[in-house]
All heavy atoms as atom14 arrays in JSON, in Angstrom:
{
  "sequence": "LVILNTCHIREKASEKVYSELGRLRVVKDEAARNGRQMSIAVAGCVAQ",
  "atom14_mask": [
    [1, 1, 1, 1, 1, 1, 1, 1, 0, 0, 0, 0, 0, 0],
    [1, 1, 1, 1, 1, 1, 1, 0, 0, 0, 0, 0, 0, 0],
    [1, 1, 1, 1, 1, 1, 1, 1, 0, 0, 0, 0, 0, 0],
    [1, 1, 1, 1, 1, 1, 1, 1, 0, 0, 0, 0, 0, 0],
    [1, 1, 1, 1, 1, 1, 1, 1, 0, 0, 0, 0, 0, 0],
    [1, 1, 1, 1, 1, 1, 1, 0, 0, 0, 0, 0, 0, 0],
    [1, 1, 1, 1, 1, 1, 0, 0, 0, 0, 0, 0, 0, 0],
    [1, 1, 1, 1, 1, 1, 1, 1, 1, 1, 0, 0, 0, 0],
    [1, 1, 1, 1, 1, 1, 1, 1, 0, 0, 0, 0, 0, 0],
    [1, 1, 1, 1, 1, 1, 1, 1, 1, 1, 1, 0, 0, 0],
    [1, 1, 1, 1, 1, 1, 1, 1, 1, 0, 0, 0, 0, 0],
    [1, 1, 1, 1, 1, 1, 1, 1, 1, 0, 0, 0, 0, 0],
    [1, 1, 1, 1, 1, 0, 0, 0, 0, 0, 0, 0, 0, 0],
    [1, 1, 1, 1, 1, 1, 0, 0, 0, 0, 0, 0, 0, 0],
    [1, 1, 1, 1, 1, 1, 1, 1, 1, 0, 0, 0, 0, 0],
    [1, 1, 1, 1, 1, 1, 1, 1, 1, 0, 0, 0, 0, 0],
    [1, 1, 1, 1, 1, 1, 1, 0, 0, 0, 0, 0, 0, 0],
    [1, 1, 1, 1, 1, 1, 1, 1, 1, 1, 1, 1, 0, 0],
    [1, 1, 1, 1, 1, 1, 0, 0, 0, 0, 0, 0, 0, 0],
    [1, 1, 1, 1, 1, 1, 1, 1, 1, 0, 0, 0, 0, 0],
    [1, 1, 1, 1, 1, 1, 1, 1, 0, 0, 0, 0, 0, 0],
    [1, 1, 1, 1, 0, 0, 0, 0, 0, 0, 0, 0, 0, 0],
    [1, 1, 1, 1, 1, 1, 1, 1, 1, 1, 1, 0, 0, 0],
    [1, 1, 1, 1, 1, 1, 1, 1, 0, 0, 0, 0, 0, 0],
    [1, 1, 1, 1, 1, 1, 1, 1, 1, 1, 1, 0, 0, 0],
    [1, 1, 1, 1, 1, 1, 1, 0, 0, 0, 0, 0, 0, 0],
    [1, 1, 1, 1, 1, 1, 1, 0, 0, 0, 0, 0, 0, 0],
    [1, 1, 1, 1, 1, 1, 1, 1, 1, 0, 0, 0, 0, 0],
    [1, 1, 1, 1, 1, 1, 1, 1, 0, 0, 0, 0, 0, 0],
    [1, 1, 1, 1, 1, 1, 1, 1, 1, 0, 0, 0, 0, 0],
    [1, 1, 1, 1, 1, 0, 0, 0, 0, 0, 0, 0, 0, 0],
    [1, 1, 1, 1, 1, 0, 0, 0, 0, 0, 0, 0, 0, 0],
    [1, 1, 1, 1, 1, 1, 1, 1, 1, 1, 1, 0, 0, 0],
    [1, 1, 1, 1, 1, 1, 1, 1, 0, 0, 0, 0, 0, 0],
    [1, 1, 1, 1, 0, 0, 0, 0, 0, 0, 0, 0, 0, 0],
    [1, 1, 1, 1, 1, 1, 1, 1, 1, 1, 1, 0, 0, 0],
    [1, 1, 1, 1, 1, 1, 1, 1, 1, 0, 0, 0, 0, 0],
    [1, 1, 1, 1, 1, 1, 1, 1, 0, 0, 0, 0, 0, 0],
    [1, 1, 1, 1, 1, 1, 0, 0, 0, 0, 0, 0, 0, 0],
    [1, 1, 1, 1, 1, 1, 1, 1, 0, 0, 0, 0, 0, 0],
    [1, 1, 1, 1, 1, 0, 0, 0, 0, 0, 0, 0, 0, 0],
    [1, 1, 1, 1, 1, 1, 1, 0, 0, 0, 0, 0, 0, 0],
    [1, 1, 1, 1, 1, 0, 0, 0, 0, 0, 0, 0, 0, 0],
    [1, 1, 1, 1, 0, 0, 0, 0, 0, 0, 0, 0, 0, 0],
    [1, 1, 1, 1, 1, 1, 0, 0, 0, 0, 0, 0, 0, 0],
    [1, 1, 1, 1, 1, 1, 1, 0, 0, 0, 0, 0, 0, 0],
    [1, 1, 1, 1, 1, 0, 0, 0, 0, 0, 0, 0, 0, 0],
    [1, 1, 1, 1, 1, 1, 1, 1, 1, 0, 0, 0, 0, 0]
  ],
  "atom14_positions": [
    [[14.74, -97.54, -67.83], [14.14, -96.83, -68.92], [13.91, -95.36, -68.45], [13.37, -95.14, -67.32], [12.73, -97.41, -69.26], [11.83, -96.61, -70.14], [12.47, -96.35, -71.53], [10.46, -97.22, -70.33], [0.0, 0.0, 0.0], [0.0, 0.0, 0.0], [0.0, 0.0, 0.0], [0.0, 0.0, 0.0], [0.0, 0.0, 0.0], [0.0, 0.0, 0.0]],
    [[14.36, -94.44, -69.26], [14.15, -93.04, -68.95], [13.31, -92.39, -70.03], [13.6, -92.62, -71.25], [15.53, -92.24, -68.88], [15.29, -90.74, -68.67], [16.43, -92.81, -67.77], [0.0, 0.0, 0.0], [0.0, 0.0, 0.0], [0.0, 0.0, 0.0], [0.0, 0.0, 0.0], [0.0, 0.0, 0.0], [0.0, 0.0, 0.0], [0.0, 0.0, 0.0]],
    [[12.23, -91.76, -69.65], [11.37, -91.08, -70.63], [11.41, -89.57, -70.38], [11.15, -89.12, -69.27], [9.86, -91.53, -70.49], [9.85, -93.09, -70.71], [9.04, -90.85, -71.47], [8.42, -93.62, -70.5], [0.0, 0.0, 0.0], [0.0, 0.0, 0.0], [0.0, 0.0, 0.0], [0.0, 0.0, 0.0], [0.0, 0.0, 0.0], [0.0, 0.0, 0.0]],
    [[11.73, -88.85, -71.39], [11.63, -87.38, -71.34], [10.26, -87.04, -72.01], [9.99, -87.23, -73.2], [12.72, -86.73, -72.14], [14.14, -86.88, -71.71], [15.11, -86.06, -72.53], [14.3, -86.64, -70.2], [0.0, 0.0, 0.0], [0.0, 0.0, 0.0], [0.0, 0.0, 0.0], [0.0, 0.0, 0.0], [0.0, 0.0, 0.0], [0.0, 0.0, 0.0]],
    [[9.35, -86.54, -71.1], [7.98, -86.11, -71.6], [7.95, -84.68, -71.85], [7.88, -83.82, -70.9], [6.93, -86.58, -70.52], [5.54, -86.42, -71.0], [5.31, -86.56, -72.2], [4.61, -86.25, -70.09], [0.0, 0.0, 0.0], [0.0, 0.0, 0.0], [0.0, 0.0, 0.0], [0.0, 0.0, 0.0], [0.0, 0.0, 0.0], [0.0, 0.0, 0.0]],
    [[8.09, -84.28, -73.11], [8.46, -82.93, -73.48], [7.3, -81.99, -73.77], [6.18, -82.45, -74.04], [9.38, -83.02, -74.77], [8.62, -83.59, -75.78], [10.64, -83.86, -74.46], [0.0, 0.0, 0.0], [0.0, 0.0, 0.0], [0.0, 0.0, 0.0], [0.0, 0.0, 0.0], [0.0, 0.0, 0.0], [0.0, 0.0, 0.0], [0.0, 0.0, 0.0]],
    [[7.62, -80.73, -73.73], [6.66, -79.66, -73.97], [7.25, -78.71, -75.02], [8.45, -78.4, -74.93], [6.29, -78.91, -72.72], [5.19, -77.53, -72.98], [0.0, 0.0, 0.0], [0.0, 0.0, 0.0], [0.0, 0.0, 0.0], [0.0, 0.0, 0.0], [0.0, 0.0, 0.0], [0.0, 0.0, 0.0], [0.0, 0.0, 0.0], [0.0, 0.0, 0.0]],
    [[6.45, -78.29, -75.98], [6.98, -77.43, -77.09], [6.48, -75.98, -76.92], [6.74, -75.16, -77.78], [6.51, -77.92, -78.42], [7.5, -77.73, -79.54], [7.78, -76.49, -80.02], [8.25, -78.57, -80.26], [8.74, -76.52, -80.99], [9.01, -77.82, -81.14], [0.0, 0.0, 0.0], [0.0, 0.0, 0.0], [0.0, 0.0, 0.0], [0.0, 0.0, 0.0]],
    [[5.93, -75.67, -75.76], [5.36, -74.34, -75.62], [6.41, -73.31, -75.22], [6.5, -72.22, -75.69], [4.21, -74.35, -74.58], [3.06, -75.24, -75.07], [3.74, -72.93, -74.29], [2.4, -74.75, -76.3], [0.0, 0.0, 0.0], [0.0, 0.0, 0.0], [0.0, 0.0, 0.0], [0.0, 0.0, 0.0], [0.0, 0.0, 0.0], [0.0, 0.0, 0.0]],
    [[7.27, -73.68, -74.29], [8.17, -72.7, -73.69], [9.3, -72.43, -74.6], [9.7, -73.19, -75.57], [8.75, -73.24, -72.36], [7.59, -73.51, -71.35], [6.89, -72.19, -70.93], [5.85, -72.53, -69.99], [4.58, -72.3, -70.23], [4.15, -71.82, -71.37], [3.61, -72.58, -69.29], [0.0, 0.0, 0.0], [0.0, 0.0, 0.0], [0.0, 0.0, 0.0]],
    [[10.05, -71.34, -74.29], [11.19, -70.88, -75.13], [12.32, -71.95, -75.17], [12.63, -72.55, -74.18], [11.71, -69.62, -74.58], [12.82, -68.92, -75.4], [13.19, -67.6, -74.87], [12.83, -67.27, -73.76], [14.0, -66.89, -75.57], [0.0, 0.0, 0.0], [0.0, 0.0, 0.0], [0.0, 0.0, 0.0], [0.0, 0.0, 0.0], [0.0, 0.0, 0.0]],
    [[12.91, -72.14, -76.33], [14.03, -73.02, -76.53], [13.74, -74.44, -76.04], [14.66, -75.16, -75.5], [15.3, -72.53, -75.79], [15.72, -71.14, -76.43], [16.91, -70.56, -75.67], [17.34, -69.22, -76.19], [18.49, -68.66, -75.52], [0.0, 0.0, 0.0], [0.0, 0.0, 0.0], [0.0, 0.0, 0.0], [0.0, 0.0, 0.0], [0.0, 0.0, 0.0]],
    [[12.49, -74.91, -76.23], [12.15, -76.21, -75.74], [12.98, -77.31, -76.33], [13.41, -78.23, -75.69], [10.64, -76.47, -76.02], [0.0, 0.0, 0.0], [0.0, 0.0, 0.0], [0.0, 0.0, 0.0], [0.0, 0.0, 0.0], [0.0, 0.0, 0.0], [0.0, 0.0, 0.0], [0.0, 0.0, 0.0], [0.0, 0.0, 0.0], [0.0, 0.0, 0.0]],
    [[13.19, -77.27, -77.63], [13.93, -78.27, -78.34], [15.45, -78.37, -77.83], [15.92, -79.46, -77.61], [13.89, -78.11, -79.83], [12.58, -78.15, -80.35], [0.0, 0.0, 0.0], [0.0, 0.0, 0.0], [0.0, 0.0, 0.0], [0.0, 0.0, 0.0], [0.0, 0.0, 0.0], [0.0, 0.0, 0.0], [0.0, 0.0, 0.0], [0.0, 0.0, 0.0]],
    [[16.03, -77.2, -77.68], [17.42, -77.14, -77.29], [17.56, -77.76, -75.89], [18.53, -78.4, -75.63], [17.89, -75.7, -77.28], [18.12, -75.04, -78.62], [16.8, -74.47, -79.21], [15.7, -74.79, -78.74], [16.95, -73.66, -80.11], [0.0, 0.0, 0.0], [0.0, 0.0, 0.0], [0.0, 0.0, 0.0], [0.0, 0.0, 0.0], [0.0, 0.0, 0.0]],
    [[16.6, -77.51, -75.05], [16.64, -78.12, -73.66], [16.57, -79.62, -73.72], [17.22, -80.36, -72.99], [15.57, -77.53, -72.74], [15.73, -75.99, -72.5], [14.52, -75.49, -71.72], [14.71, -74.0, -71.48], [13.52, -73.38, -70.8], [0.0, 0.0, 0.0], [0.0, 0.0, 0.0], [0.0, 0.0, 0.0], [0.0, 0.0, 0.0], [0.0, 0.0, 0.0]],
    [[15.73, -80.14, -74.64], [15.65, -81.58, -74.74], [16.94, -82.2, -75.28], [17.44, -83.18, -74.72], [14.44, -81.9, -75.68], [14.49, -83.41, -76.07], [13.12, -81.53, -75.06], [0.0, 0.0, 0.0], [0.0, 0.0, 0.0], [0.0, 0.0, 0.0], [0.0, 0.0, 0.0], [0.0, 0.0, 0.0], [0.0, 0.0, 0.0], [0.0, 0.0, 0.0]],
    [[17.59, -81.58, -76.29], [18.78, -82.13, -76.84], [19.92, -82.04, -75.78], [20.78, -82.93, -75.71], [19.19, -81.42, -78.1], [18.28, -81.74, -79.25], [17.49, -80.82, -79.84], [18.19, -83.09, -79.75], [16.64, -81.13, -80.96], [17.31, -83.41, -80.77], [16.58, -82.41, -81.39], [15.79, -82.77, -82.37], [0.0, 0.0, 0.0], [0.0, 0.0, 0.0]],
    [[19.89, -80.99, -75.02], [20.88, -80.81, -73.91], [20.75, -81.94, -72.91], [21.71, -82.54, -72.46], [20.78, -79.41, -73.28], [21.65, -79.33, -72.2], [0.0, 0.0, 0.0], [0.0, 0.0, 0.0], [0.0, 0.0, 0.0], [0.0, 0.0, 0.0], [0.0, 0.0, 0.0], [0.0, 0.0, 0.0], [0.0, 0.0, 0.0], [0.0, 0.0, 0.0]],
    [[19.5, -82.25, -72.53], [19.25, -83.25, -71.57], [19.6, -84.65, -72.15], [20.18, -85.51, -71.45], [17.8, -83.31, -71.14], [17.38, -84.3, -70.13], [18.0, -84.03, -68.75], [18.44, -82.89, -68.49], [18.17, -84.98, -67.92], [0.0, 0.0, 0.0], [0.0, 0.0, 0.0], [0.0, 0.0, 0.0], [0.0, 0.0, 0.0], [0.0, 0.0, 0.0]],
    [[19.33, -84.85, -73.45], [19.71, -86.11, -74.1], [21.19, -86.29, -74.05], [21.73, -87.41, -74.0], [19.15, -86.16, -75.5], [17.61, -86.33, -75.64], [17.16, -86.21, -77.07], [17.18, -87.71, -75.03], [0.0, 0.0, 0.0], [0.0, 0.0, 0.0], [0.0, 0.0, 0.0], [0.0, 0.0, 0.0], [0.0, 0.0, 0.0], [0.0, 0.0, 0.0]],
    [[21.95, -85.23, -74.21], [23.41, -85.3, -74.11], [23.89, -85.84, -72.83], [24.8, -86.69, -72.66], [0.0, 0.0, 0.0], [0.0, 0.0, 0.0], [0.0, 0.0, 0.0], [0.0, 0.0, 0.0], [0.0, 0.0, 0.0], [0.0, 0.0, 0.0], [0.0, 0.0, 0.0], [0.0, 0.0, 0.0], [0.0, 0.0, 0.0], [0.0, 0.0, 0.0]],
    [[23.25, -85.38, -71.73], [23.56, -85.85, -70.39], [23.16, -87.32, -70.19], [23.84, -88.07, -69.61], [22.91, -85.0, -69.3], [23.54, -83.55, -69.23], [22.96, -82.81, -68.0], [21.61, -82.32, -68.25], [21.31, -81.21, -68.77], [22.26, -80.36, -69.13], [20.05, -80.86, -68.98], [0.0, 0.0, 0.0], [0.0, 0.0, 0.0], [0.0, 0.0, 0.0]],
    [[21.97, -87.63, -70.75], [21.56, -89.01, -70.62], [22.39, -90.03, -71.36], [22.55, -91.16, -71.0], [20.06, -89.16, -71.11], [19.01, -88.54, -70.19], [17.62, -88.63, -70.81], [19.03, -89.25, -68.79], [0.0, 0.0, 0.0], [0.0, 0.0, 0.0], [0.0, 0.0, 0.0], [0.0, 0.0, 0.0], [0.0, 0.0, 0.0], [0.0, 0.0, 0.0]],
    [[22.97, -89.58, -72.51], [23.87, -90.45, -73.29], [25.02, -90.86, -72.43], [25.4, -92.06, -72.43], [24.37, -89.76, -74.56], [25.23, -90.59, -75.48], [25.92, -89.78, -76.44], [26.86, -88.83, -75.79], [27.4, -87.8, -76.43], [27.13, -87.55, -77.73], [28.21, -86.98, -75.83], [0.0, 0.0, 0.0], [0.0, 0.0, 0.0], [0.0, 0.0, 0.0]],
    [[25.57, -89.99, -71.58], [26.67, -90.33, -70.72], [26.24, -91.3, -69.7], [26.94, -92.28, -69.44], [27.19, -89.01, -70.03], [28.28, -89.35, -69.0], [27.73, -88.04, -71.08], [0.0, 0.0, 0.0], [0.0, 0.0, 0.0], [0.0, 0.0, 0.0], [0.0, 0.0, 0.0], [0.0, 0.0, 0.0], [0.0, 0.0, 0.0], [0.0, 0.0, 0.0]],
    [[25.0, -91.12, -69.09], [24.5, -92.06, -68.11], [24.25, -93.47, -68.74], [24.58, -94.5, -68.14], [23.18, -91.56, -67.55], [22.58, -92.53, -66.58], [23.42, -90.2, -66.83], [0.0, 0.0, 0.0], [0.0, 0.0, 0.0], [0.0, 0.0, 0.0], [0.0, 0.0, 0.0], [0.0, 0.0, 0.0], [0.0, 0.0, 0.0], [0.0, 0.0, 0.0]],
    [[23.73, -93.47, -69.98], [23.52, -94.72, -70.71], [24.82, -95.48, -70.93], [24.92, -96.69, -70.82], [22.71, -94.48, -72.0], [22.33, -95.67, -72.76], [21.5, -95.35, -73.98], [21.03, -96.6, -74.67], [20.2, -96.26, -75.9], [0.0, 0.0, 0.0], [0.0, 0.0, 0.0], [0.0, 0.0, 0.0], [0.0, 0.0, 0.0], [0.0, 0.0, 0.0]],
    [[25.86, -94.75, -71.39], [27.13, -95.34, -71.66], [27.73, -95.94, -70.39], [28.28, -97.02, -70.4], [28.06, -94.37, -72.28], [27.71, -93.96, -73.71], [26.87, -94.66, -74.26], [28.22, -92.9, -74.16], [0.0, 0.0, 0.0], [0.0, 0.0, 0.0], [0.0, 0.0, 0.0], [0.0, 0.0, 0.0], [0.0, 0.0, 0.0], [0.0, 0.0, 0.0]],
    [[27.58, -95.24, -69.26], [28.15, -95.71, -68.01], [27.37, -96.98, -67.58], [28.01, -97.93, -67.03], [27.96, -94.64, -66.95], [28.47, -95.06, -65.56], [29.96, -95.31, -65.52], [30.66, -94.77, -66.38], [30.37, -96.02, -64.58], [0.0, 0.0, 0.0], [0.0, 0.0, 0.0], [0.0, 0.0, 0.0], [0.0, 0.0, 0.0], [0.0, 0.0, 0.0]],
    [[26.07, -97.01, -67.81], [25.29, -98.23, -67.51], [25.8, -99.42, -68.3], [25.91, -100.52, -67.81], [23.8, -97.97, -67.71], [0.0, 0.0, 0.0], [0.0, 0.0, 0.0], [0.0, 0.0, 0.0], [0.0, 0.0, 0.0], [0.0, 0.0, 0.0], [0.0, 0.0, 0.0], [0.0, 0.0, 0.0], [0.0, 0.0, 0.0], [0.0, 0.0, 0.0]],
    [[26.05, -99.15, -69.57], [26.52, -100.22, -70.44], [27.86, -100.77, -69.99], [28.09, -101.98, -70.03], [26.62, -99.7, -71.92], [0.0, 0.0, 0.0], [0.0, 0.0, 0.0], [0.0, 0.0, 0.0], [0.0, 0.0, 0.0], [0.0, 0.0, 0.0], [0.0, 0.0, 0.0], [0.0, 0.0, 0.0], [0.0, 0.0, 0.0], [0.0, 0.0, 0.0]],
    [[28.76, -99.92, -69.54], [30.06, -100.29, -69.03], [29.9, -101.16, -67.83], [30.76, -102.09, -67.53], [30.97, -99.14, -68.77], [31.53, -98.45, -70.02], [32.65, -97.51, -69.66], [32.07, -96.31, -68.94], [31.66, -95.21, -69.62], [31.66, -95.14, -70.98], [31.24, -94.21, -68.94], [0.0, 0.0, 0.0], [0.0, 0.0, 0.0], [0.0, 0.0, 0.0]],
    [[28.83, -100.98, -67.06], [28.54, -101.8, -65.87], [27.65, -103.0, -66.18], [27.13, -103.68, -65.24], [27.9, -100.92, -64.84], [28.84, -99.89, -64.29], [30.07, -100.06, -64.19], [28.27, -98.72, -63.91], [0.0, 0.0, 0.0], [0.0, 0.0, 0.0], [0.0, 0.0, 0.0], [0.0, 0.0, 0.0], [0.0, 0.0, 0.0], [0.0, 0.0, 0.0]],
    [[27.47, -103.3, -67.45], [26.77, -104.51, -67.82], [25.28, -104.35, -67.71], [24.5, -105.36, -67.71], [0.0, 0.0, 0.0], [0.0, 0.0, 0.0], [0.0, 0.0, 0.0], [0.0, 0.0, 0.0], [0.0, 0.0, 0.0], [0.0, 0.0, 0.0], [0.0, 0.0, 0.0], [0.0, 0.0, 0.0], [0.0, 0.0, 0.0], [0.0, 0.0, 0.0]],
    [[24.72, -103.11, -67.73], [23.28, -102.9, -67.6], [22.79, -102.15, -68.8], [23.37, -101.14, -69.19], [23.0, -102.07, -66.28], [21.5, -101.96, -65.97], [21.32, -101.41, -64.54], [21.97, -100.18, -64.42], [21.42, -98.93, -64.75], [20.22, -98.93, -65.33], [22.1, -97.84, -64.51], [0.0, 0.0, 0.0], [0.0, 0.0, 0.0], [0.0, 0.0, 0.0]],
    [[21.65, -102.6, -69.34], [21.06, -101.86, -70.48], [20.04, -100.87, -70.06], [19.12, -101.1, -69.27], [20.36, -102.9, -71.38], [19.77, -102.28, -72.66], [19.13, -103.31, -73.61], [19.14, -104.5, -73.28], [18.63, -102.86, -74.71], [0.0, 0.0, 0.0], [0.0, 0.0, 0.0], [0.0, 0.0, 0.0], [0.0, 0.0, 0.0], [0.0, 0.0, 0.0]],
    [[20.24, -99.61, -70.48], [19.29, -98.55, -70.27], [18.71, -98.09, -71.63], [19.4, -97.98, -72.6], [20.03, -97.33, -69.66], [19.08, -96.12, -69.55], [19.93, -94.58, -69.0], [20.13, -94.89, -67.3], [0.0, 0.0, 0.0], [0.0, 0.0, 0.0], [0.0, 0.0, 0.0], [0.0, 0.0, 0.0], [0.0, 0.0, 0.0], [0.0, 0.0, 0.0]],
    [[17.41, -97.93, -71.61], [16.7, -97.42, -72.85], [16.26, -95.9, -72.55], [15.94, -95.54, -71.36], [15.43, -98.29, -73.14], [15.87, -99.57, -73.39], [0.0, 0.0, 0.0], [0.0, 0.0, 0.0], [0.0, 0.0, 0.0], [0.0, 0.0, 0.0], [0.0, 0.0, 0.0], [0.0, 0.0, 0.0], [0.0, 0.0, 0.0], [0.0, 0.0, 0.0]],
    [[16.24, -95.15, -73.56], [15.81, -93.77, -73.47], [14.66, -93.48, -74.52], [14.78, -93.97, -75.71], [16.96, -92.81, -73.85], [18.13, -92.97, -72.84], [16.49, -91.33, -73.83], [19.36, -92.17, -73.16], [0.0, 0.0, 0.0], [0.0, 0.0, 0.0], [0.0, 0.0, 0.0], [0.0, 0.0, 0.0], [0.0, 0.0, 0.0], [0.0, 0.0, 0.0]],
    [[13.62, -92.94, -74.06], [12.47, -92.53, -74.86], [12.21, -91.06, -74.8], [12.33, -90.5, -73.74], [11.23, -93.35, -74.44], [0.0, 0.0, 0.0], [0.0, 0.0, 0.0], [0.0, 0.0, 0.0], [0.0, 0.0, 0.0], [0.0, 0.0, 0.0], [0.0, 0.0, 0.0], [0.0, 0.0, 0.0], [0.0, 0.0, 0.0], [0.0, 0.0, 0.0]],
    [[11.81, -90.48, -75.92], [11.4, -89.04, -75.94], [9.91, -89.07, -76.32], [9.51, -89.65, -77.35], [12.16, -88.23, -76.95], [11.67, -86.82, -76.95], [13.69, -88.3, -76.54], [0.0, 0.0, 0.0], [0.0, 0.0, 0.0], [0.0, 0.0, 0.0], [0.0, 0.0, 0.0], [0.0, 0.0, 0.0], [0.0, 0.0, 0.0], [0.0, 0.0, 0.0]],
    [[9.05, -88.52, -75.47], [7.63, -88.45, -75.66], [7.16, -87.01, -75.68], [7.98, -86.12, -75.44], [6.92, -89.27, -74.59], [0.0, 0.0, 0.0], [0.0, 0.0, 0.0], [0.0, 0.0, 0.0], [0.0, 0.0, 0.0], [0.0, 0.0, 0.0], [0.0, 0.0, 0.0], [0.0, 0.0, 0.0], [0.0, 0.0, 0.0], [0.0, 0.0, 0.0]],
    [[5.86, -86.77, -75.87], [5.34, -85.46, -75.82], [5.44, -84.68, -77.09], [5.65, -85.23, -78.16], [0.0, 0.0, 0.0], [0.0, 0.0, 0.0], [0.0, 0.0, 0.0], [0.0, 0.0, 0.0], [0.0, 0.0, 0.0], [0.0, 0.0, 0.0], [0.0, 0.0, 0.0], [0.0, 0.0, 0.0], [0.0, 0.0, 0.0], [0.0, 0.0, 0.0]],
    [[5.3, -83.32, -76.96], [5.08, -82.5, -78.1], [6.29, -82.24, -78.87], [6.27, -82.04, -80.11], [4.44, -81.16, -77.62], [2.69, -81.32, -77.09], [0.0, 0.0, 0.0], [0.0, 0.0, 0.0], [0.0, 0.0, 0.0], [0.0, 0.0, 0.0], [0.0, 0.0, 0.0], [0.0, 0.0, 0.0], [0.0, 0.0, 0.0], [0.0, 0.0, 0.0]],
    [[7.48, -82.15, -78.26], [8.72, -82.05, -79.06], [8.95, -83.3, -79.83], [9.37, -83.22, -81.02], [9.93, -81.79, -78.1], [11.23, -81.85, -78.88], [9.8, -80.44, -77.48], [0.0, 0.0, 0.0], [0.0, 0.0, 0.0], [0.0, 0.0, 0.0], [0.0, 0.0, 0.0], [0.0, 0.0, 0.0], [0.0, 0.0, 0.0], [0.0, 0.0, 0.0]],
    [[8.61, -84.5, -79.31], [8.71, -85.72, -80.03], [7.76, -85.72, -81.27], [8.19, -86.11, -82.37], [8.39, -86.92, -79.12], [0.0, 0.0, 0.0], [0.0, 0.0, 0.0], [0.0, 0.0, 0.0], [0.0, 0.0, 0.0], [0.0, 0.0, 0.0], [0.0, 0.0, 0.0], [0.0, 0.0, 0.0], [0.0, 0.0, 0.0], [0.0, 0.0, 0.0]],
    [[6.58, -85.18, -81.03], [5.66, -85.06, -82.18], [6.17, -84.14, -83.25], [6.0, -84.45, -84.44], [4.26, -84.56, -81.64], [3.2, -84.56, -82.68], [2.68, -85.91, -83.05], [2.58, -86.81, -82.21], [2.4, -86.14, -84.33], [0.0, 0.0, 0.0], [0.0, 0.0, 0.0], [0.0, 0.0, 0.0], [0.0, 0.0, 0.0], [0.0, 0.0, 0.0]]
  ]
}
């Protein structure tokens, strides 16, 4: 389980989150190919 605990105060906060989620999608896909389930959660102020 990977949790991104986000902040909406700093500049381009949302873009940074989506960029990180793009990298995590690759990691999640690789885990699936290896027979392992990974979950991703977004928490914090950008999530809100």
